[in-house]
């Protein structure tokens, strides 16, 4: 398989994965609707950085070790599940208490800071061993002839990252177009209720996965 063939073939697979509704999409959408474009961009960059971490780990064999070791996989998945449950339950608790209203016209400093959103996106992906399992399972099928494995793994991950960033940009632009409707506290609580529920469900699913 040539380099061009490998990149194009993987781009199709990565595109399907990117547009499939999931935790990453929920986090970016929630940040865009609740906290504004800057926070949503930071969340998306954090998620993509997490993907790059796993891609590099897959290239050097760390992900393969996690896939082969039941103990290592279990420890990481429980830590990741606990983190997702923490985020989700904190959002749901804010909904119950009726707190957490965000003024979308306020200065960025009132929105938690870009670093907080970047860190949230990064940790959500890094602490999810299934992301690593995906790269371990998929990347070997798209290795190009004559290209070092580590280099090829990084190139494929960059294809995934670029597609994710483009998709996240579309989500953020769409959310920004309806930001005027989201000043209402009831709308913001609904966003947190949905996103918190998604996080709790993903955390519970990860904790019980084999």
C-alpha atoms as a PDB file:
ATOM      1  CA  UNK A   1       0.000   0.000   0.000  1.00  0.00           C
ATOM      2  CA  UNK A   2       1.398   3.389  -0.958  1.00  0.00           C
ATOM      3  CA  UNK A   3       1.464   6.337   1.420  1.00  0.00           C
ATOM      4  CA  UNK A   4      -1.312   8.140  -0.471  1.00  0.00           C
ATOM      5  CA  UNK A   5      -3.515   5.034  -0.527  1.00  0.00           C
ATOM      6  CA  UNK A   6      -3.007   4.452   3.185  1.00  0.00           C
ATOM      7  CA  UNK A   7      -3.827   8.044   4.130  1.00  0.00           C
ATOM      8  CA  UNK A   8      -6.922   8.217   1.914  1.00  0.00           C
ATOM      9  CA  UNK A   9      -8.264   4.868   3.100  1.00  0.00           C
ATOM     10  CA  UNK A  10      -7.758   5.771   6.738  1.00  0.00           C
ATOM     11  CA  UNK A  11      -9.349   9.180   6.155  1.00  0.00           C
ATOM     12  CA  UNK A  12     -12.598   7.451   5.211  1.00  0.00           C
ATOM     13  CA  UNK A  13     -12.570   5.288   8.350  1.00  0.00           C
ATOM     14  CA  UNK A  14     -11.646   8.235  10.572  1.00  0.00           C
ATOM     15  CA  UNK A  15     -14.366  10.415   9.029  1.00  0.00           C
ATOM     16  CA  UNK A  16     -17.046   7.861   9.916  1.00  0.00           C
ATOM     17  CA  UNK A  17     -15.729   7.673  13.474  1.00  0.00           C
ATOM     18  CA  UNK A  18     -15.553  11.464  13.761  1.00  0.00           C
ATOM     19  CA  UNK A  19     -19.151  12.169  12.765  1.00  0.00           C
ATOM     20  CA  UNK A  20     -20.571   9.344  14.893  1.00  0.00           C
ATOM     21  CA  UNK A  21     -22.299  10.904  17.926  1.00  0.00           C
ATOM     22  CA  UNK A  22     -20.343  10.247  21.080  1.00  0.00           C
ATOM     23  CA  UNK A  23     -18.667  11.688  24.137  1.00  0.00           C
ATOM     24  CA  UNK A  24     -16.276  13.967  22.229  1.00  0.00           C
ATOM     25  CA  UNK A  25     -19.120  15.563  20.297  1.00  0.00           C
ATOM     26  CA  UNK A  26     -21.151  16.034  23.481  1.00  0.00           C
ATOM     27  CA  UNK A  27     -18.289  17.801  25.267  1.00  0.00           C
ATOM     28  CA  UNK A  28     -17.542  20.167  22.388  1.00  0.00           C
ATOM     29  CA  UNK A  29     -21.215  20.952  21.855  1.00  0.00           C
ATOM     30  CA  UNK A  30     -21.744  21.604  25.545  1.00  0.00           C
ATOM     31  CA  UNK A  31     -18.754  23.959  25.680  1.00  0.00           C
ATOM     32  CA  UNK A  32     -19.964  25.789  22.570  1.00  0.00           C
ATOM     33  CA  UNK A  33     -23.523  26.182  23.804  1.00  0.00           C
ATOM     34  CA  UNK A  34     -22.688  27.026  27.399  1.00  0.00           C
ATOM     35  CA  UNK A  35     -19.307  28.727  27.422  1.00  0.00           C
ATOM     36  CA  UNK A  36     -18.682  30.199  23.982  1.00  0.00           C
ATOM     37  CA  UNK A  37     -16.472  29.548  20.978  1.00  0.00           C
ATOM     38  CA  UNK A  38     -13.123  29.963  22.739  1.00  0.00           C
ATOM     39  CA  UNK A  39     -13.938  27.354  25.359  1.00  0.00           C
ATOM     40  CA  UNK A  40     -15.302  24.974  22.732  1.00  0.00           C
ATOM     41  CA  UNK A  41     -12.143  25.333  20.646  1.00  0.00           C
ATOM     42  CA  UNK A  42     -10.032  24.586  23.724  1.00  0.00           C
ATOM     43  CA  UNK A  43     -12.141  21.492  24.441  1.00  0.00           C
ATOM     44  CA  UNK A  44     -11.731  20.268  20.862  1.00  0.00           C
ATOM     45  CA  UNK A  45      -7.971  20.870  20.916  1.00  0.00           C
ATOM     46  CA  UNK A  46      -7.718  18.924  24.173  1.00  0.00           C
ATOM     47  CA  UNK A  47      -9.655  16.003  22.698  1.00  0.00           C
ATOM     48  CA  UNK A  48      -7.403  15.960  19.621  1.00  0.00           C
ATOM     49  CA  UNK A  49      -4.302  16.148  21.803  1.00  0.00           C
ATOM     50  CA  UNK A  50      -5.567  13.089  23.652  1.00  0.00           C
ATOM     51  CA  UNK A  51      -5.943  11.262  20.339  1.00  0.00           C
ATOM     52  CA  UNK A  52      -2.359  12.144  19.439  1.00  0.00           C
ATOM     53  CA  UNK A  53      -1.148  10.814  22.798  1.00  0.00           C
ATOM     54  CA  UNK A  54      -2.829   7.481  22.142  1.00  0.00           C
ATOM     55  CA  UNK A  55      -1.577   7.357  18.548  1.00  0.00           C
ATOM     56  CA  UNK A  56       2.018   7.866  19.691  1.00  0.00           C
ATOM     57  CA  UNK A  57       1.482   5.284  22.434  1.00  0.00           C
ATOM     58  CA  UNK A  58       0.162   2.832  19.861  1.00  0.00           C
ATOM     59  CA  UNK A  59       3.189   3.481  17.640  1.00  0.00           C
ATOM     60  CA  UNK A  60       5.643   2.689  20.452  1.00  0.00           C
ATOM     61  CA  UNK A  61       3.657  -0.262  21.786  1.00  0.00           C
ATOM     62  CA  UNK A  62       2.223   1.195  25.006  1.00  0.00           C
ATOM     63  CA  UNK A  63      -1.355   0.797  23.802  1.00  0.00           C
ATOM     64  CA  UNK A  64      -0.616  -2.781  22.778  1.00  0.00           C
ATOM     65  CA  UNK A  65       0.578  -3.449  26.322  1.00  0.00           C
ATOM     66  CA  UNK A  66      -2.662  -2.050  27.752  1.00  0.00           C
ATOM     67  CA  UNK A  67      -4.665  -4.147  25.314  1.00  0.00           C
ATOM     68  CA  UNK A  68      -2.768  -7.301  26.291  1.00  0.00           C
ATOM     69  CA  UNK A  69      -2.722  -6.677  30.049  1.00  0.00           C
ATOM     70  CA  UNK A  70      -6.085  -7.110  31.743  1.00  0.00           C
ATOM     71  CA  UNK A  71      -4.820  -5.475  34.939  1.00  0.00           C
ATOM     72  CA  UNK A  72      -3.446  -2.369  33.210  1.00  0.00           C
ATOM     73  CA  UNK A  73      -6.597  -2.009  31.137  1.00  0.00           C
ATOM     74  CA  UNK A  74      -8.823  -2.390  34.205  1.00  0.00           C
ATOM     75  CA  UNK A  75      -6.922   0.208  36.229  1.00  0.00           C
ATOM     76  CA  UNK A  76      -6.993   2.768  33.426  1.00  0.00           C
ATOM     77  CA  UNK A  77     -10.631   2.171  32.552  1.00  0.00           C
ATOM     78  CA  UNK A  78     -11.710   2.578  36.192  1.00  0.00           C
ATOM     79  CA  UNK A  79      -9.775   5.841  36.504  1.00  0.00           C
ATOM     80  CA  UNK A  80     -11.314   7.068  33.245  1.00  0.00           C
ATOM     81  CA  UNK A  81     -14.802   5.966  34.269  1.00  0.00           C
ATOM     82  CA  UNK A  82     -14.445   7.711  37.632  1.00  0.00           C
ATOM     83  CA  UNK A  83     -13.382  10.926  35.897  1.00  0.00           C
ATOM     84  CA  UNK A  84     -16.339  10.819  33.482  1.00  0.00           C
ATOM     85  CA  UNK A  85     -18.754  10.068  36.329  1.00  0.00           C
ATOM     86  CA  UNK A  86     -17.295  12.954  38.338  1.00  0.00           C
ATOM     87  CA  UNK A  87     -17.799  15.408  35.476  1.00  0.00           C
ATOM     88  CA  UNK A  88     -21.287  14.133  34.697  1.00  0.00           C
ATOM     89  CA  UNK A  89     -22.524  14.055  38.275  1.00  0.00           C
ATOM     90  CA  UNK A  90     -21.112  17.537  38.921  1.00  0.00           C
ATOM     91  CA  UNK A  91     -23.098  18.871  35.951  1.00  0.00           C
ATOM     92  CA  UNK A  92     -26.252  17.093  37.092  1.00  0.00           C
ATOM     93  CA  UNK A  93     -25.794  18.392  40.653  1.00  0.00           C
ATOM     94  CA  UNK A  94     -25.580  21.913  39.254  1.00  0.00           C
ATOM     95  CA  UNK A  95     -28.845  21.305  37.395  1.00  0.00           C
ATOM     96  CA  UNK A  96     -30.564  20.101  40.581  1.00  0.00           C
ATOM     97  CA  UNK A  97     -29.305  23.081  42.560  1.00  0.00           C
ATOM     98  CA  UNK A  98     -30.220  25.470  39.762  1.00  0.00           C
ATOM     99  CA  UNK A  99     -26.689  26.922  39.587  1.00  0.00           C
ATOM    100  CA  UNK A 100     -24.176  27.329  36.826  1.00  0.00           C
ATOM    101  CA  UNK A 101     -25.847  30.005  34.680  1.00  0.00           C
ATOM    102  CA  UNK A 102     -23.335  31.421  32.230  1.00  0.00           C
ATOM    103  CA  UNK A 103     -23.626  34.861  30.703  1.00  0.00           C
ATOM    104  CA  UNK A 104     -22.574  34.280  27.102  1.00  0.00           C
ATOM    105  CA  UNK A 105     -21.741  37.969  26.693  1.00  0.00           C
ATOM    106  CA  UNK A 106     -19.522  38.053  29.756  1.00  0.00           C
ATOM    107  CA  UNK A 107     -15.735  38.207  29.623  1.00  0.00           C
ATOM    108  CA  UNK A 108     -13.916  34.909  29.035  1.00  0.00           C
ATOM    109  CA  UNK A 109     -12.523  34.898  32.571  1.00  0.00           C
ATOM    110  CA  UNK A 110     -16.012  34.060  33.886  1.00  0.00           C
ATOM    111  CA  UNK A 111     -16.195  30.883  31.827  1.00  0.00           C
ATOM    112  CA  UNK A 112     -13.637  28.790  33.655  1.00  0.00           C
ATOM    113  CA  UNK A 113     -10.665  29.531  31.422  1.00  0.00           C
ATOM    114  CA  UNK A 114      -9.436  27.884  28.237  1.00  0.00           C
ATOM    115  CA  UNK A 115      -7.009  25.681  30.166  1.00  0.00           C
ATOM    116  CA  UNK A 116      -9.841  24.062  32.141  1.00  0.00           C
ATOM    117  CA  UNK A 117     -11.668  23.121  28.945  1.00  0.00           C
ATOM    118  CA  UNK A 118      -8.491  21.925  27.222  1.00  0.00           C
ATOM    119  CA  UNK A 119      -7.617  19.786  30.237  1.00  0.00           C
ATOM    120  CA  UNK A 120     -11.124  18.325  30.347  1.00  0.00           C
ATOM    121  CA  UNK A 121     -10.969  17.299  26.691  1.00  0.00           C
ATOM    122  CA  UNK A 122      -7.453  15.914  27.037  1.00  0.00           C
ATOM    123  CA  UNK A 123      -8.142  13.835  30.151  1.00  0.00           C
ATOM    124  CA  UNK A 124     -11.415  12.485  28.777  1.00  0.00           C
ATOM    125  CA  UNK A 125      -9.555  10.937  25.841  1.00  0.00           C
ATOM    126  CA  UNK A 126      -6.308   9.986  27.598  1.00  0.00           C
ATOM    127  CA  UNK A 127      -8.171   8.191  30.401  1.00  0.00           C
ATOM    128  CA  UNK A 128     -10.286   6.205  27.946  1.00  0.00           C
ATOM    129  CA  UNK A 129      -8.367   2.995  27.059  1.00  0.00           C
ATOM    130  CA  UNK A 130     -10.845   2.241  24.281  1.00  0.00           C
ATOM    131  CA  UNK A 131      -9.317   5.104  22.283  1.00  0.00           C
ATOM    132  CA  UNK A 132      -5.971   3.338  22.534  1.00  0.00           C
ATOM    133  CA  UNK A 133      -7.570   0.019  21.628  1.00  0.00           C
ATOM    134  CA  UNK A 134      -9.014   1.639  18.502  1.00  0.00           C
ATOM    135  CA  UNK A 135      -5.594   2.783  17.317  1.00  0.00           C
ATOM    136  CA  UNK A 136      -3.994  -0.579  18.089  1.00  0.00           C
ATOM    137  CA  UNK A 137      -6.706  -2.390  16.147  1.00  0.00           C
ATOM    138  CA  UNK A 138      -6.937  -0.035  13.167  1.00  0.00           C
ATOM    139  CA  UNK A 139      -3.506   1.487  12.509  1.00  0.00           C
ATOM    140  CA  UNK A 140      -1.743  -1.759  11.465  1.00  0.00           C
ATOM    141  CA  UNK A 141      -4.152  -2.089   8.520  1.00  0.00           C
ATOM    142  CA  UNK A 142      -3.026   1.244   7.049  1.00  0.00           C
ATOM    143  CA  UNK A 143       0.758   0.965   7.152  1.00  0.00           C
ATOM    144  CA  UNK A 144       2.437   2.224   3.960  1.00  0.00           C
ATOM    145  CA  UNK A 145       5.352   0.402   2.388  1.00  0.00           C
ATOM    146  CA  UNK A 146       8.726   1.857   3.288  1.00  0.00           C
ATOM    147  CA  UNK A 147       7.413   4.231   5.971  1.00  0.00           C
ATOM    148  CA  UNK A 148       8.570   3.653   9.593  1.00  0.00           C
ATOM    149  CA  UNK A 149       5.733   2.451  11.838  1.00  0.00           C
ATOM    150  CA  UNK A 150       6.055   5.330  14.313  1.00  0.00           C
ATOM    151  CA  UNK A 151       6.022   7.934  11.531  1.00  0.00           C
ATOM    152  CA  UNK A 152       3.065   6.301   9.803  1.00  0.00           C
ATOM    153  CA  UNK A 153       1.140   6.078  13.044  1.00  0.00           C
ATOM    154  CA  UNK A 154       1.655   9.786  13.668  1.00  0.00           C
ATOM    155  CA  UNK A 155       0.609  10.688  10.106  1.00  0.00           C
ATOM    156  CA  UNK A 156      -2.598   8.674  10.420  1.00  0.00           C
ATOM    157  CA  UNK A 157      -3.345  10.272  13.776  1.00  0.00           C
ATOM    158  CA  UNK A 158      -2.869  13.723  12.241  1.00  0.00           C
ATOM    159  CA  UNK A 159      -5.428  12.828   9.560  1.00  0.00           C
ATOM    160  CA  UNK A 160      -7.880  11.943  12.323  1.00  0.00           C
ATOM    161  CA  UNK A 161      -7.075  15.144  14.213  1.00  0.00           C
ATOM    162  CA  UNK A 162      -7.567  17.386  11.169  1.00  0.00           C
ATOM    163  CA  UNK A 163     -10.937  15.790  10.405  1.00  0.00           C
ATOM    164  CA  UNK A 164     -11.985  16.141  14.038  1.00  0.00           C
ATOM    165  CA  UNK A 165     -11.000  19.807  14.150  1.00  0.00           C
ATOM    166  CA  UNK A 166     -12.968  20.543  10.972  1.00  0.00           C
ATOM    167  CA  UNK A 167     -16.025  18.751  12.346  1.00  0.00           C
ATOM    168  CA  UNK A 168     -15.718  20.480  15.711  1.00  0.00           C
ATOM    169  CA  UNK A 169     -15.467  23.834  13.905  1.00  0.00           C
ATOM    170  CA  UNK A 170     -18.790  23.115  12.169  1.00  0.00           C
ATOM    171  CA  UNK A 171     -20.397  22.201  15.492  1.00  0.00           C
ATOM    172  CA  UNK A 172     -19.070  25.372  17.138  1.00  0.00           C
ATOM    173  CA  UNK A 173     -20.257  27.573  14.266  1.00  0.00           C
ATOM    174  CA  UNK A 174     -23.726  26.044  14.396  1.00  0.00           C
ATOM    175  CA  UNK A 175     -23.937  26.477  18.154  1.00  0.00           C
ATOM    176  CA  UNK A 176     -22.791  30.096  17.933  1.00  0.00           C
ATOM    177  CA  UNK A 177     -25.603  30.892  15.514  1.00  0.00           C
ATOM    178  CA  UNK A 178     -28.209  30.092  18.188  1.00  0.00           C
ATOM    179  CA  UNK A 179     -26.342  31.544  21.165  1.00  0.00           C
ATOM    180  CA  UNK A 180     -29.013  34.186  21.678  1.00  0.00           C
ATOM    181  CA  UNK A 181     -31.512  31.526  22.718  1.00  0.00           C
ATOM    182  CA  UNK A 182     -29.123  30.116  25.289  1.00  0.00           C
ATOM    183  CA  UNK A 183     -29.076  33.062  27.664  1.00  0.00           C
ATOM    184  CA  UNK A 184     -32.082  31.561  29.392  1.00  0.00           C
ATOM    185  CA  UNK A 185     -31.142  29.648  32.567  1.00  0.00           C
ATOM    186  CA  UNK A 186     -33.591  26.863  31.681  1.00  0.00           C
ATOM    187  CA  UNK A 187     -31.779  26.311  28.361  1.00  0.00           C
ATOM    188  CA  UNK A 188     -28.386  26.172  30.047  1.00  0.00           C
ATOM    189  CA  UNK A 189     -29.646  23.721  32.672  1.00  0.00           C
ATOM    190  CA  UNK A 190     -31.067  21.531  29.902  1.00  0.00           C
ATOM    191  CA  UNK A 191     -27.669  21.500  28.162  1.00  0.00           C
ATOM    192  CA  UNK A 192     -25.937  20.436  31.370  1.00  0.00           C
ATOM    193  CA  UNK A 193     -28.612  17.833  32.070  1.00  0.00           C
ATOM    194  CA  UNK A 194     -28.133  16.193  28.676  1.00  0.00           C
ATOM    195  CA  UNK A 195     -24.318  16.387  28.712  1.00  0.00           C
ATOM    196  CA  UNK A 196     -24.106  15.226  32.326  1.00  0.00           C
ATOM    197  CA  UNK A 197     -26.321  12.247  31.534  1.00  0.00           C
ATOM    198  CA  UNK A 198     -24.159  11.355  28.525  1.00  0.00           C
ATOM    199  CA  UNK A 199     -21.018  11.523  30.667  1.00  0.00           C
ATOM    200  CA  UNK A 200     -22.549   9.341  33.379  1.00  0.00           C
ATOM    201  CA  UNK A 201     -23.718   6.770  30.821  1.00  0.00           C
ATOM    202  CA  UNK A 202     -20.322   6.671  29.115  1.00  0.00           C
ATOM    203  CA  UNK A 203     -18.573   6.393  32.472  1.00  0.00           C
ATOM    204  CA  UNK A 204     -20.807   3.535  33.573  1.00  0.00           C
ATOM    205  CA  UNK A 205     -20.374   1.790  30.229  1.00  0.00           C
ATOM    206  CA  UNK A 206     -16.599   2.144  30.416  1.00  0.00           C
ATOM    207  CA  UNK A 207     -16.490   0.857  33.997  1.00  0.00           C
ATOM    208  CA  UNK A 208     -18.424  -2.290  33.066  1.00  0.00           C
ATOM    209  CA  UNK A 209     -16.652  -2.944  29.745  1.00  0.00           C
ATOM    210  CA  UNK A 210     -14.485  -6.046  29.421  1.00  0.00           C
END
